[in-house]
Protein backbone atom coordinates (compact mmCIF):
# COMPACT_ATOMS: atom_id res chain seq x y z
CA MET A 1 -0.13 0.42 -0.24
CA LEU A 2 3.10 2.33 0.52
CA GLU A 3 4.95 1.90 -2.45
CA THR A 4 1.31 2.85 -4.43
CA ASN A 5 0.85 5.70 -1.37
CA LEU A 6 4.44 7.03 -2.43
CA ALA A 7 3.76 6.14 -6.02
CA GLU A 8 0.02 8.68 -6.61
CA THR A 9 3.14 11.55 -4.02
CA SER A 10 5.55 11.05 -7.51
CA LYS A 11 2.97 11.24 -9.66
CA LEU A 12 1.46 14.54 -8.81
CA VAL A 13 4.46 16.52 -7.08
CA GLU A 14 6.23 16.08 -10.75
CA GLY A 15 2.28 17.18 -12.23
CA HIS A 16 2.81 20.24 -10.14
CA LEU A 17 6.60 21.23 -10.56
CA GLY A 18 5.67 20.68 -14.02
CA LEU A 19 3.63 23.44 -13.59
CA VAL A 20 5.51 25.73 -12.26
CA PHE A 21 8.53 25.04 -13.97
CA ASP A 22 6.54 26.09 -16.77
CA GLY A 23 5.75 28.83 -16.09
CA LEU A 24 9.56 30.32 -15.65
CA PRO A 25 12.02 31.78 -17.95
CA LYS A 26 13.51 28.67 -20.51
CA SER A 27 16.93 28.60 -20.00
CA ASP A 28 19.48 26.81 -18.23
CA LEU A 29 18.30 27.18 -14.46
CA ARG A 30 15.63 25.57 -15.21
CA ASP A 31 16.22 23.02 -16.96
CA ALA A 32 18.86 22.07 -13.35
CA MET A 33 15.93 23.19 -11.19
CA ALA A 34 13.75 20.61 -12.58
CA TYR A 35 16.57 18.34 -13.56
CA ALA A 36 17.82 18.21 -9.42
CA THR A 37 13.87 18.27 -8.58
CA GLN A 38 13.52 14.76 -9.91
CA GLY A 39 13.33 11.10 -8.65
CA GLY A 40 13.41 10.21 -4.91
CA LYS A 41 11.21 8.53 -2.16
CA ARG A 42 9.46 12.31 -2.22
CA LEU A 43 8.98 11.13 1.15
CA ARG A 44 8.51 14.59 3.09
CA ALA A 45 6.41 15.20 0.26
CA PHE A 46 4.00 12.51 1.82
CA LEU A 47 4.30 13.19 5.23
CA VAL A 48 2.81 16.83 4.55
CA LEU A 49 -0.33 15.19 2.40
CA GLU A 50 -1.14 12.58 4.61
CA SER A 51 -0.71 14.72 7.33
CA ALA A 52 -2.89 17.00 5.53
CA ALA A 53 -5.69 14.50 4.84
CA LEU A 54 -5.52 13.70 8.72
CA PHE A 55 -7.17 17.27 9.12
CA GLY A 56 -9.77 16.91 6.02
CA ILE A 57 -7.35 19.51 3.98
CA PRO A 58 -7.92 18.24 -0.06
CA LYS A 59 -4.80 17.02 -1.80
CA GLU A 60 -6.03 20.59 -4.33
CA GLN A 61 -4.58 22.67 -0.83
CA SER A 62 -2.02 20.24 0.02
CA ILE A 63 0.06 19.91 -2.21
CA TRP A 64 1.65 23.51 -2.80
CA CYS A 65 3.03 22.36 0.67
CA ALA A 66 4.63 19.84 -0.23
CA THR A 67 6.21 20.71 -3.62
CA ALA A 68 7.23 23.67 -1.36
CA ILE A 69 9.62 21.45 1.23
CA GLU A 70 10.68 19.29 -2.14
CA CYS A 71 12.32 21.49 -4.42
CA LEU A 72 13.81 22.97 -0.29
CA HIS A 73 15.45 18.98 -0.21
CA ALA A 74 16.78 19.07 -3.59
CA TYR A 75 18.46 22.84 -2.68
CA SER A 76 20.13 21.65 -0.33
CA LEU A 77 21.23 17.45 -2.01
CA VAL A 78 21.92 20.25 -4.76
CA HIS A 79 24.63 21.92 -2.11
CA ASP A 80 25.60 19.15 -0.93
CA ASP A 81 27.03 17.32 -3.65
CA LEU A 82 28.84 20.61 -3.99
CA PRO A 83 33.18 20.49 -3.96
CA CYS A 84 32.98 23.08 -1.14
CA MET A 85 30.96 19.98 0.21
CA ASP A 86 30.58 16.25 0.38
CA ASP A 87 31.73 16.95 -3.57
CA ASP A 88 29.55 13.67 -4.85
CA ASP A 89 29.64 12.84 -8.13
CA LEU A 90 25.99 10.82 -7.50
CA ARG A 91 22.97 11.85 -6.94
CA ARG A 92 19.73 9.76 -7.68
CA GLY A 93 22.28 7.41 -9.50
CA LEU A 94 22.11 10.73 -12.05
CA PRO A 95 25.36 12.53 -12.51
CA THR A 96 25.17 15.95 -9.43
CA VAL A 97 23.95 19.03 -11.11
CA HIS A 98 27.81 20.94 -10.55
CA LYS A 99 28.35 17.59 -12.33
CA LYS A 100 25.92 17.66 -15.61
CA TRP A 101 26.30 22.17 -15.84
CA ASP A 102 28.96 23.54 -13.25
CA ASP A 103 29.24 24.72 -9.90
CA ALA A 104 28.15 28.00 -10.55
CA THR A 105 24.87 26.38 -12.15
CA ALA A 106 24.43 24.86 -9.08
CA VAL A 107 24.92 27.54 -6.78
CA LEU A 108 22.22 29.32 -8.47
CA ALA A 109 19.72 26.32 -9.04
CA GLY A 110 20.01 25.55 -4.93
CA ASP A 111 19.32 29.34 -4.69
CA ALA A 112 16.52 29.43 -7.08
CA LEU A 113 15.00 26.39 -5.80
CA GLN A 114 14.87 27.33 -2.19
CA SER A 115 13.72 30.90 -2.93
CA LEU A 116 10.50 28.97 -4.97
CA SER A 117 9.45 26.75 -1.91
CA PHE A 118 8.78 30.18 -0.11
CA GLU A 119 6.67 31.34 -2.67
CA LEU A 120 4.84 27.67 -2.60
CA VAL A 121 4.12 28.37 0.28
CA SER A 122 3.40 31.42 0.24
CA HIS A 123 0.67 31.20 -2.59
CA PRO A 124 -2.83 31.91 -2.19
CA LYS A 125 -3.58 28.15 -2.96
CA THR A 126 -1.48 26.83 -0.41
CA SER A 127 -4.58 28.45 1.91
CA PRO A 128 -7.39 31.13 2.08
CA ASN A 129 -6.31 32.43 5.35
CA ALA A 130 -3.07 34.71 5.08
CA GLN A 131 -2.03 33.77 8.99
CA VAL A 132 -1.23 30.15 7.42
CA ARG A 133 0.31 31.01 4.81
CA VAL A 134 2.40 33.76 7.33
CA GLU A 135 3.21 30.23 9.73
CA LEU A 136 4.27 28.01 7.51
CA ALA A 137 6.53 30.44 5.15
CA LEU A 138 7.71 30.92 9.49
CA SER A 139 7.73 27.75 10.57
CA LEU A 140 9.90 26.95 6.54
CA ALA A 141 12.52 29.20 7.04
CA ARG A 142 13.03 28.24 10.46
CA ALA A 143 13.61 24.14 9.76
CA SER A 144 15.55 25.05 6.77
CA GLY A 145 17.78 28.36 8.59
CA ALA A 146 20.28 29.13 11.06
CA SER A 147 18.34 26.80 13.95
CA GLY A 148 17.49 23.77 11.39
CA MET A 149 18.79 22.56 8.72
CA VAL A 150 21.47 24.81 6.94
CA TYR A 151 23.07 24.30 11.38
CA GLY A 152 23.09 21.37 11.18
CA GLN A 153 24.69 21.05 8.43
CA SER A 154 27.55 23.44 9.67
CA LEU A 155 27.84 20.71 12.53
CA ASP A 156 28.51 18.00 9.95
CA ILE A 157 31.24 19.82 8.06
CA ALA A 158 32.68 20.93 11.38
CA ALA A 159 32.50 17.48 12.40
CA GLU A 160 34.87 16.09 9.16
CA ARG A 161 37.71 18.66 10.80
CA ALA A 162 37.25 17.99 14.71
CA ARG A 163 40.00 16.71 16.02
CA VAL A 164 37.35 14.32 18.62
CA PRO A 165 34.86 12.53 17.28
CA LEU A 166 31.30 12.98 18.56
CA THR A 167 29.24 11.97 21.51
CA LEU A 168 26.70 10.20 20.47
CA ASP A 169 24.29 13.17 21.85
CA GLN A 170 25.83 16.22 19.73
CA ILE A 171 25.51 12.72 16.75
CA LYS A 172 21.05 13.64 17.79
CA HIS A 173 21.55 16.91 18.12
CA LEU A 174 23.39 17.37 14.57
CA GLN A 175 21.18 15.35 13.22
CA ALA A 176 17.49 16.76 14.66
CA GLY A 177 18.62 20.07 12.50
CA LYS A 178 20.66 17.53 9.24
CA THR A 179 18.02 15.46 8.89
CA GLY A 180 15.02 15.86 11.41
CA ALA A 181 13.72 19.66 10.85
CA LEU A 182 12.79 19.16 7.05
CA ILE A 183 10.50 15.64 7.92
CA LYS A 184 9.34 17.64 10.91
CA TRP A 185 8.19 20.34 9.10
CA SER A 186 6.65 17.94 6.96
CA ALA A 187 4.94 15.82 9.59
CA CYS A 188 2.91 19.59 10.50
CA ALA A 189 2.33 21.25 7.78
CA GLY A 190 -1.20 19.08 7.97
CA ALA A 191 -1.68 21.14 11.51
CA ILE A 192 -0.51 23.97 10.45
CA LEU A 193 -3.26 24.08 7.26
CA ALA A 194 -5.62 22.89 9.47
CA GLN A 195 -4.63 24.99 12.37
CA ARG A 196 -4.86 22.07 14.67
CA ASP A 197 -2.40 21.08 17.70
CA ALA A 198 0.95 20.05 15.80
CA ALA A 199 1.65 17.74 19.05
CA PRO A 200 1.36 14.37 18.56
CA LEU A 201 2.65 14.68 15.08
CA ALA A 202 5.57 16.37 15.70
CA ALA A 203 6.54 13.56 18.71
CA TYR A 204 5.82 11.59 15.46
CA SER A 205 8.21 12.66 13.35
CA ASP A 206 11.10 13.40 16.07
CA ALA A 207 11.28 10.36 16.60
CA LEU A 208 11.07 9.26 12.79
CA GLY A 209 13.65 11.47 11.61
CA LEU A 210 15.92 9.64 13.61
CA ALA A 211 15.08 7.03 13.06
CA PHE A 212 15.72 7.79 8.94
CA GLN A 213 19.23 9.18 10.00
CA ILE A 214 19.85 5.40 12.11
CA ALA A 215 18.80 4.18 8.59
CA ASP A 216 20.62 6.44 6.79
CA ASP A 217 24.25 5.63 8.94
CA ILE A 218 23.55 1.32 8.34
CA LEU A 219 23.15 2.01 4.53
CA ASP A 220 26.51 3.74 4.20
CA VAL A 221 27.92 0.79 5.79
CA GLU A 222 25.97 -2.45 4.60
CA GLY A 223 23.82 -0.96 1.98
CA ASP A 224 24.85 -1.85 -2.01
CA GLU A 225 25.90 1.22 -3.96
CA ALA A 226 24.19 0.44 -7.65
CA THR A 227 20.46 0.42 -4.88
CA ALA A 228 21.32 3.57 -2.93
CA GLY A 229 22.29 5.69 -6.28
CA LYS A 230 25.08 7.68 -4.21
CA ARG A 231 28.84 6.99 -3.23
CA LEU A 232 27.96 4.89 0.00
CA ASN A 233 31.05 4.26 2.76
CA LYS A 234 31.45 8.06 3.04
CA ASP A 235 31.57 8.82 6.25
CA GLU A 236 33.60 5.35 7.67
CA THR A 237 36.23 6.75 4.89
CA ALA A 238 35.73 9.97 6.81
CA GLY A 239 36.68 8.93 9.70
CA LYS A 240 33.28 10.22 11.19
CA ALA A 241 32.10 8.96 13.97
CA THR A 242 27.84 7.61 13.21
CA PHE A 243 25.07 5.61 15.19
CA VAL A 244 26.73 2.81 13.93
CA SER A 245 30.43 3.32 15.23
CA LEU A 246 28.91 4.35 17.83
CA LEU A 247 26.21 1.48 18.82
CA GLY A 248 27.35 -1.09 16.57
CA LEU A 249 25.51 -1.92 13.46
CA GLU A 250 23.59 -4.49 15.41
CA GLY A 251 22.86 -1.96 17.85
CA ALA A 252 22.16 0.77 15.34
CA LYS A 253 19.35 -1.86 14.09
CA GLN A 254 17.21 -2.01 17.26
CA ALA A 255 17.37 1.90 17.86
CA ALA A 256 16.35 2.24 14.73
CA ASN A 257 13.03 -0.07 15.56
CA ASP A 258 12.43 1.52 18.85
CA LEU A 259 12.32 4.88 17.51
CA VAL A 260 9.97 3.68 14.86
CA GLU A 261 7.41 2.02 17.75
CA GLN A 262 7.67 5.64 19.34
CA ALA A 263 6.78 6.86 16.13
CA GLN A 264 3.80 4.89 16.17
CA ILE A 265 2.34 5.10 19.86
CA ALA A 266 2.36 8.99 19.08
CA LEU A 267 0.02 8.76 16.04
CA ALA A 268 -2.87 6.85 18.62
CA PRO A 269 -4.53 9.87 19.51
CA TYR A 270 -5.43 9.20 15.54
CA GLY A 271 -6.24 5.78 15.00
CA HIS A 272 -6.25 4.08 12.48
CA ASN A 273 -6.37 7.50 9.68
CA ALA A 274 -2.93 7.64 11.13
CA GLU A 275 -2.02 3.80 9.62
CA SER A 276 -0.42 5.17 6.02
CA LEU A 277 2.08 7.71 8.58
CA LYS A 278 2.54 4.03 10.66
CA GLU A 279 3.42 2.30 7.57
CA ALA A 280 6.32 5.43 6.53
CA ALA A 281 7.65 4.98 9.75
CA ARG A 282 8.07 1.42 9.31
CA PHE A 283 9.33 2.52 5.22
CA VAL A 284 12.36 4.92 6.30
CA ILE A 285 14.73 1.42 8.23
CA ALA A 286 13.22 -1.04 5.54
CA ARG A 287 14.59 0.98 2.47
CA LYS A 288 17.42 0.22 0.30
CA SER A 289 18.76 3.47 -1.09
C-alpha cells in the first residue's frame, strides 16, 4: 500500500512541479532546477499530504506545501553535493547538478529552488487564510535555516574537521537539524494548514527523523551503491562518528526499531486514520536507498 501511495505522491508532485517550471523563463537554470527535483522517494511530500489528510485538507491545497518541501530538500542536496561540501558525483543514480552543468549553475539552481519553496507555501492556493500562509513560511524558514537544516549542515562540516569524534548526544543534536528539521516540518504541515494542535505529529516526526538518519548510517555501511544511487562508506572513510560506529551495527538497528515504535505510538490520537503514516515509519528503516 505504501509503495502505491508514494508512487501517487510522486506523480502529483512531478505534475505540479511541471506546471510551476513551465511558468519560468527557459534557461539552463530552469532545466537544472527541474533536473534536481526529479526522482527520489518523495517521503517529505508524502508526509505533508498524509498529515493534511488527517484533518480533511484536500490535496489541491496541500500539494503546494508538498512541492515546496521537495524544492527545499532538492536545494539542500544540490548544495551538499558541491565540491566545497561533500563533493559527490552521483545523486539518485545520475550525475549531480554541478557535474551535469557546472558549479555556478548548481549554486544558482539551489538558490532558486530555496526561493521557490517559500513562493509555493505563500501562494494563495495553499490556504485562503493569510495567517496560515505566514505560519507555514515562518516555520519553514526556521526548519531550514540557521537553527534547523543549515545549522545541522554546519555542525556536520565541523565534525569532519574535529580532532575528537562526536558523542552520541552530539550526533543526535546534529541530525535533528540536518535531517530531522525538514521531516518534522513536513509531518506538521497538515496541522498548520488545519490550524490544529501539531504536538502528536511533532513527536511522531522527531522519532521518525532520527530513525531515518540511523537507517542512512546503516545503509552507508551495508548498502549497495547501485541501489542507493550514490557513493557509500563516506563516513567510515572520513573517520566520522556515526550511530553505527558508536552503537554497533546491531545496536543501531535496534535503536531504529525502537524509534519506529515510538513514532507509531505518538500517532495514537488519530487512530486508524494514521495507518499510512505508521507504515511510512516502518518504511524508513526497511528502505534500500
